[in-house]
N, C-alpha and C. Protein backbone atom coordinates (compact mmCIF):
# COMPACT_ATOMS: atom_id res chain seq x y z
N UNK A 1 75.51 179.65 21.24
CA UNK A 1 75.71 180.21 21.94
C UNK A 1 76.04 181.18 22.31
N UNK A 2 76.45 182.54 22.61
CA UNK A 2 77.22 183.71 22.56
C UNK A 2 77.31 183.96 23.87
N UNK A 3 78.64 184.06 24.19
CA UNK A 3 78.96 184.20 25.83
C UNK A 3 78.78 185.85 26.23
N UNK A 4 78.98 185.55 27.85
CA UNK A 4 78.47 187.08 27.80
C UNK A 4 79.74 187.87 28.48
N UNK A 5 79.83 188.85 27.43
CA UNK A 5 81.08 189.42 27.44
C UNK A 5 81.38 190.45 29.05
N UNK A 6 79.70 190.89 29.27
CA UNK A 6 79.72 192.31 29.90
C UNK A 6 78.22 192.33 30.76
N UNK A 7 78.33 192.29 32.05
CA UNK A 7 76.76 192.71 33.18
C UNK A 7 77.45 193.61 33.76
N UNK A 8 76.39 193.96 33.83
CA UNK A 8 76.20 195.25 35.36
C UNK A 8 76.48 194.85 36.27
N UNK A 9 77.94 195.23 37.24
CA UNK A 9 77.95 194.68 38.67
C UNK A 9 77.25 195.63 39.85
N UNK A 10 76.56 196.53 39.23
CA UNK A 10 76.48 197.55 40.23
C UNK A 10 77.08 198.37 41.10
N UNK A 11 78.52 198.55 41.09
CA UNK A 11 79.44 199.08 42.00
C UNK A 11 79.69 200.40 42.37
N UNK A 12 78.65 200.72 40.96
CA UNK A 12 78.74 202.49 41.47
C UNK A 12 80.39 203.26 40.37
N UNK A 13 80.86 202.30 39.95
CA UNK A 13 82.63 202.86 39.42
C UNK A 13 82.57 203.21 38.09
N UNK A 14 80.98 203.91 38.24
CA UNK A 14 80.79 204.84 36.68
C UNK A 14 80.18 205.92 37.27
N UNK A 15 80.08 205.70 38.17
CA UNK A 15 78.77 207.33 38.39
C UNK A 15 80.08 208.14 39.10
N UNK A 16 81.02 207.56 39.53
CA UNK A 16 81.71 208.23 40.92
C UNK A 16 83.36 209.17 40.15
N UNK A 17 83.77 210.07 40.32
CA UNK A 17 84.18 210.81 40.12
C UNK A 17 84.02 212.09 39.83
N UNK A 18 85.07 212.87 38.48
CA UNK A 18 85.08 214.19 38.40
C UNK A 18 84.37 214.03 37.21
N UNK A 19 83.83 213.20 36.51
CA UNK A 19 83.74 213.44 35.04
C UNK A 19 83.15 213.43 35.10
N UNK A 20 82.54 213.71 34.14
CA UNK A 20 80.86 214.84 34.24
C UNK A 20 80.13 213.77 32.60
N UNK A 21 78.69 214.01 32.72
CA UNK A 21 77.83 213.90 31.63
C UNK A 21 77.49 214.17 31.00
N UNK A 22 76.95 215.44 29.65
CA UNK A 22 76.32 216.25 29.08
C UNK A 22 75.46 215.40 28.54
N UNK A 23 74.30 216.19 28.85
CA UNK A 23 73.43 215.92 28.28
C UNK A 23 72.27 216.61 26.85
N UNK A 24 71.43 216.02 26.36
CA UNK A 24 71.02 215.93 25.25
C UNK A 24 69.47 216.83 25.49
N UNK A 25 69.47 218.40 24.17
CA UNK A 25 67.84 218.75 25.11
C UNK A 25 66.43 217.64 25.71
N UNK A 26 66.57 216.43 24.38
CA UNK A 26 65.74 214.70 24.49
C UNK A 26 66.23 214.36 26.07
N UNK A 27 66.75 214.38 26.27
CA UNK A 27 67.57 213.95 27.94
C UNK A 27 67.27 214.37 28.70
N UNK A 28 67.50 215.91 29.50
CA UNK A 28 67.47 217.32 29.63
C UNK A 28 65.22 217.03 29.73
N UNK A 29 64.77 216.80 28.75
CA UNK A 29 63.53 216.45 28.64
C UNK A 29 63.00 215.39 29.63
N UNK A 30 63.82 214.78 28.67
CA UNK A 30 63.05 213.21 29.57
C UNK A 30 63.04 213.14 30.88
N UNK A 31 64.35 213.05 32.34
CA UNK A 31 64.91 212.98 32.83
C UNK A 31 63.66 214.03 33.31
N UNK A 32 63.29 215.23 33.45
CA UNK A 32 62.82 216.08 34.02
C UNK A 32 61.22 215.42 33.56
N UNK A 33 60.66 215.05 32.95
CA UNK A 33 59.48 214.48 33.08
C UNK A 33 59.54 213.45 34.48
N UNK A 34 60.77 212.44 33.93
CA UNK A 34 60.93 211.29 34.60
C UNK A 34 60.63 211.82 36.59
N UNK A 35 60.93 212.45 36.48
CA UNK A 35 61.01 213.26 38.16
C UNK A 35 60.21 213.75 38.51
N UNK A 36 58.47 214.59 37.50
CA UNK A 36 58.14 215.11 37.54
C UNK A 36 58.20 216.68 37.85
N UNK A 37 58.90 216.95 37.32
CA UNK A 37 59.32 218.11 37.24
C UNK A 37 59.19 219.54 36.17
N UNK A 38 59.82 220.97 35.95
CA UNK A 38 59.51 221.94 34.63
C UNK A 38 60.77 221.09 33.61
N UNK A 39 61.38 221.46 33.50
CA UNK A 39 62.69 221.60 31.80
C UNK A 39 63.02 222.68 33.34
N UNK A 40 62.77 223.50 33.48
CA UNK A 40 63.57 224.86 33.97
C UNK A 40 64.06 224.92 35.86
N UNK A 41 63.08 223.77 36.99
CA UNK A 41 63.41 223.62 37.85
C UNK A 41 64.39 222.24 38.03
N UNK A 42 64.46 221.66 36.88
CA UNK A 42 64.81 220.13 36.91
C UNK A 42 66.93 220.99 36.38
N UNK A 43 66.97 221.52 35.21
CA UNK A 43 67.85 222.11 35.72
C UNK A 43 68.65 222.86 36.15
N UNK A 44 67.56 224.02 37.18
CA UNK A 44 68.37 224.92 38.19
C UNK A 44 68.22 223.10 39.19
N UNK A 45 68.02 222.96 39.71
CA UNK A 45 68.38 222.20 40.44
C UNK A 45 69.28 220.01 40.49
N UNK A 46 69.40 220.24 39.35
CA UNK A 46 70.56 218.80 39.02
C UNK A 46 71.61 219.23 38.11
N UNK A 47 71.68 220.61 37.52
CA UNK A 47 72.64 220.19 36.46
C UNK A 47 73.05 221.62 36.75
N UNK A 48 74.40 221.64 35.77
CA UNK A 48 74.95 222.90 35.23
C UNK A 48 75.37 223.36 34.19
N UNK A 49 75.38 224.66 34.25
CA UNK A 49 75.66 224.62 32.37
C UNK A 49 76.81 225.51 32.35
N UNK A 50 77.50 224.45 31.29
CA UNK A 50 78.88 224.97 30.65
C UNK A 50 78.59 226.24 29.96
N UNK A 51 77.71 226.63 29.41
CA UNK A 51 77.84 227.86 28.49
C UNK A 51 77.10 226.46 26.64
N UNK A 52 78.29 226.30 26.45
CA UNK A 52 78.13 225.52 25.27
C UNK A 52 77.06 223.45 24.87
N UNK A 53 77.07 223.36 26.70
CA UNK A 53 76.04 222.40 27.07
C UNK A 53 76.05 222.98 28.63
N UNK A 54 75.00 221.20 28.94
CA UNK A 54 74.47 221.65 30.19
C UNK A 54 75.33 220.33 30.22
N UNK A 55 75.38 219.28 31.83
CA UNK A 55 76.31 218.23 32.35
C UNK A 55 74.93 218.28 33.58
N UNK A 56 75.45 216.85 34.50
CA UNK A 56 74.29 216.31 35.35
C UNK A 56 76.02 217.27 36.70
N UNK A 57 74.88 217.48 37.68
CA UNK A 57 75.51 217.98 38.47
C UNK A 57 76.29 216.89 39.23
N UNK A 58 78.12 217.09 39.51
CA UNK A 58 78.96 216.04 40.42
C UNK A 58 78.12 215.98 41.92
N UNK A 59 77.84 215.07 42.90
CA UNK A 59 77.71 215.55 44.59
C UNK A 59 77.88 214.83 45.61
N UNK A 60 79.00 214.75 45.84
CA UNK A 60 80.24 214.37 46.98
C UNK A 60 80.79 213.41 46.36
N UNK A 61 81.58 213.72 45.04
CA UNK A 61 81.96 212.82 44.06
C UNK A 61 81.68 211.59 43.25
N UNK A 62 80.42 211.79 43.80
CA UNK A 62 79.95 210.96 42.38
C UNK A 62 78.54 210.99 41.70
N UNK A 63 77.80 211.29 40.45
CA UNK A 63 76.43 211.77 39.78
C UNK A 63 75.38 211.88 40.50
N UNK A 64 75.27 213.03 40.74
CA UNK A 64 74.08 213.43 41.63
C UNK A 64 72.68 212.11 41.58
N UNK A 65 72.42 211.63 40.76
CA UNK A 65 71.16 210.65 40.56
C UNK A 65 71.72 209.54 41.27
N UNK A 66 73.42 209.21 41.78
CA UNK A 66 73.62 208.45 42.09
C UNK A 66 73.46 207.82 44.06
N UNK A 67 72.79 206.59 43.73
CA UNK A 67 71.57 206.84 45.13
C UNK A 67 72.76 205.84 45.70
N UNK A 68 73.29 206.42 47.09
CA UNK A 68 75.33 205.47 47.09
C UNK A 68 74.89 204.54 48.00
N UNK A 69 74.25 204.39 48.74
CA UNK A 69 73.81 203.33 50.38
C UNK A 69 73.02 202.34 48.84
N UNK A 70 72.16 202.35 48.69
CA UNK A 70 71.61 201.67 48.06
C UNK A 70 72.20 200.69 45.86
N UNK A 71 73.81 201.51 45.37
CA UNK A 71 74.27 201.21 45.07
C UNK A 71 72.95 201.25 43.77
N UNK A 72 71.85 202.85 43.35
CA UNK A 72 71.78 202.23 42.42
C UNK A 72 71.14 203.95 41.53
N UNK A 73 71.11 203.77 40.55
CA UNK A 73 70.89 204.86 39.81
C UNK A 73 69.44 205.55 39.61
N UNK A 74 69.56 206.29 39.91
CA UNK A 74 67.46 207.29 40.35
C UNK A 74 67.12 207.37 39.34
N UNK A 75 68.09 207.18 37.76
CA UNK A 75 66.71 207.78 37.12
C UNK A 75 67.16 206.77 36.14
N UNK A 76 67.08 205.30 36.33
CA UNK A 76 67.27 204.76 35.42
C UNK A 76 67.33 203.83 33.86
N UNK A 77 65.67 204.41 34.39
CA UNK A 77 65.23 203.42 33.34
C UNK A 77 65.72 205.28 32.25
N UNK A 78 65.57 206.40 32.78
CA UNK A 78 65.89 207.75 31.39
C UNK A 78 66.64 207.51 31.49
N UNK A 79 67.66 207.31 31.54
CA UNK A 79 69.11 207.17 32.08
C UNK A 79 69.69 208.25 30.38
N UNK A 80 70.98 208.29 30.87
CA UNK A 80 71.10 209.04 29.11
C UNK A 80 72.40 208.28 29.01
N UNK A 81 72.35 208.48 27.18
CA UNK A 81 72.76 207.33 26.52
C UNK A 81 74.68 207.02 27.30
N UNK A 82 74.90 208.36 27.04
CA UNK A 82 76.41 208.09 27.37
C UNK A 82 76.16 207.01 28.99
N UNK A 83 75.90 207.53 30.17
CA UNK A 83 74.84 206.84 30.71
C UNK A 83 75.45 204.89 30.38
N UNK A 84 73.88 204.95 30.19
CA UNK A 84 73.51 203.22 28.91
C UNK A 84 74.71 202.64 28.19
N UNK A 85 75.97 203.70 27.82
CA UNK A 85 76.77 202.84 26.90
C UNK A 85 77.82 202.37 27.29
N UNK A 86 77.92 203.08 28.98
CA UNK A 86 79.10 202.65 29.10
C UNK A 86 79.24 200.92 29.79
N UNK A 87 80.52 200.74 30.29
CA UNK A 87 81.72 200.95 29.68
C UNK A 87 81.89 200.94 27.99
N UNK A 88 80.88 200.31 27.72
CA UNK A 88 81.24 199.81 26.01
C UNK A 88 81.34 200.59 25.20
N UNK A 89 82.34 202.42 25.80
CA UNK A 89 82.18 203.55 24.76
C UNK A 89 83.45 203.61 24.09
N UNK A 90 83.60 203.77 22.01
CA UNK A 90 84.41 203.09 21.26
C UNK A 90 85.91 204.76 22.03
N UNK A 91 85.49 204.44 22.22
CA UNK A 91 86.40 206.28 22.63
C UNK A 91 87.15 205.74 24.04
N UNK A 92 87.02 204.22 24.78
CA UNK A 92 88.01 203.80 25.54
C UNK A 92 88.77 201.94 24.91
N UNK A 93 88.11 202.14 23.63
CA UNK A 93 88.50 200.91 23.33
C UNK A 93 89.86 201.22 21.94
N UNK A 94 90.13 202.39 21.94
CA UNK A 94 90.96 202.85 20.75
C UNK A 94 92.20 202.11 20.45
N UNK A 95 92.48 200.86 21.92
CA UNK A 95 93.28 200.40 22.01
C UNK A 95 93.62 199.33 23.00
N UNK A 96 94.14 198.30 22.95
CA UNK A 96 94.43 197.37 23.67
C UNK A 96 94.44 198.34 25.62
N UNK A 97 95.38 199.09 26.03
CA UNK A 97 95.41 199.60 26.73
C UNK A 97 94.77 200.44 27.02
N UNK A 98 93.32 201.16 26.43
CA UNK A 98 92.29 202.01 27.43
C UNK A 98 91.64 200.37 27.62
N UNK A 99 91.49 199.35 27.18
CA UNK A 99 90.72 198.69 27.38
C UNK A 99 90.60 198.18 28.90
N UNK A 100 92.24 197.22 28.76
CA UNK A 100 93.10 197.37 30.23
C UNK A 100 92.66 198.34 31.11
N UNK A 101 92.89 199.12 31.20
CA UNK A 101 92.96 200.38 32.18
C UNK A 101 91.23 200.24 33.25
N UNK A 102 89.87 200.37 32.14
CA UNK A 102 88.94 200.25 32.17
C UNK A 102 88.77 199.00 32.71
N UNK A 103 88.56 197.75 32.03
CA UNK A 103 88.49 196.50 32.80
C UNK A 103 89.51 196.79 34.18
N UNK A 104 90.42 196.93 34.09
CA UNK A 104 90.96 196.71 35.43
C UNK A 104 89.79 197.41 36.73
N UNK A 105 89.39 198.45 36.99
CA UNK A 105 88.17 198.85 37.10
C UNK A 105 86.52 198.83 37.11
N UNK A 106 85.88 197.90 36.16
CA UNK A 106 84.58 197.95 36.09
C UNK A 106 84.58 196.23 36.21
N UNK A 107 83.92 195.66 37.30
CA UNK A 107 83.81 193.88 37.36
C UNK A 107 83.22 193.92 36.46
N UNK A 108 82.57 194.03 35.90
CA UNK A 108 81.70 193.21 35.23
C UNK A 108 81.25 193.29 33.54
N UNK A 109 82.98 193.25 33.52
CA UNK A 109 83.12 192.78 32.60
C UNK A 109 83.84 191.04 32.82
N UNK A 110 83.08 189.71 31.32
CA UNK A 110 83.98 188.20 31.95
C UNK A 110 85.58 188.11 32.15
N UNK A 111 85.34 187.30 32.72
CA UNK A 111 87.59 187.54 33.01
C UNK A 111 87.28 187.20 31.42
N UNK A 112 86.93 186.53 31.03
CA UNK A 112 87.98 185.80 29.65
C UNK A 112 87.69 186.59 28.42
N UNK A 113 86.76 187.67 28.69
CA UNK A 113 86.55 188.91 27.54
C UNK A 113 88.07 189.60 26.56
N UNK A 114 87.81 189.25 25.67
CA UNK A 114 89.42 189.43 24.98
C UNK A 114 88.98 191.29 24.39
N UNK A 115 90.22 191.88 24.06
CA UNK A 115 89.63 193.37 23.77
C UNK A 115 89.09 193.35 22.38
N UNK A 116 89.44 192.28 21.03
CA UNK A 116 89.12 192.02 20.16
C UNK A 116 87.65 191.56 20.31
N UNK A 117 86.87 190.86 21.39
CA UNK A 117 86.12 190.55 21.25
C UNK A 117 85.31 191.78 21.36
N UNK A 118 86.03 192.72 22.87
CA UNK A 118 84.28 193.54 23.30
C UNK A 118 84.81 194.79 22.16
N UNK A 119 85.80 195.02 21.56
CA UNK A 119 85.74 196.06 19.95
C UNK A 119 84.95 195.62 18.57
N UNK A 120 84.64 194.10 19.17
CA UNK A 120 83.81 193.51 17.68
C UNK A 120 81.41 194.33 18.66
N UNK A 121 81.78 194.01 19.72
CA UNK A 121 80.72 193.79 20.47
C UNK A 121 80.17 195.46 20.59
N UNK A 122 80.96 195.71 20.71
CA UNK A 122 81.13 197.75 21.11
C UNK A 122 80.59 198.21 19.64
N UNK A 123 81.39 197.12 18.16
CA UNK A 123 80.49 197.74 16.92
C UNK A 123 79.53 197.66 16.57
N UNK A 124 78.78 196.33 17.13
CA UNK A 124 77.66 195.54 16.68
C UNK A 124 77.02 196.49 17.44
N UNK A 125 76.45 197.72 18.78
CA UNK A 125 75.85 198.00 19.39
C UNK A 125 74.59 197.14 20.03
N UNK A 126 75.58 195.55 20.07
CA UNK A 126 75.05 195.07 21.06
C UNK A 126 74.84 194.91 22.52
N UNK A 127 74.39 196.12 22.73
CA UNK A 127 74.33 197.05 24.48
C UNK A 127 73.49 197.34 24.62
N UNK A 128 72.04 197.82 26.09
CA UNK A 128 71.96 198.99 26.30
C UNK A 128 72.36 199.51 27.34
């Protein structure tokens, strides 16, 4: 039996801040359909066009789809890959220091989880 190395605690940390999530065209279509909107209406109200890519808007210091009161993602069933992946993203696990920074801010990591175990988990893509 393998131990659980990470379990989301719904703290909302990953949905807050000024960094945004870029959306692929498939993600744009999925979210628009989930919200019952046309692509153009979705893009107009919920995203920012950065020229080379489309990003979700940030409102009041968090993702436009983050429900701060209930600590829920309003588009959870269709949230972008980048959001589903967090915090188990290869770029933040490049070294132990990067892992420790994220670990300190994300209560979802098991206390006994090591950098080596998390690296292995990311490489195997055993997360959703």
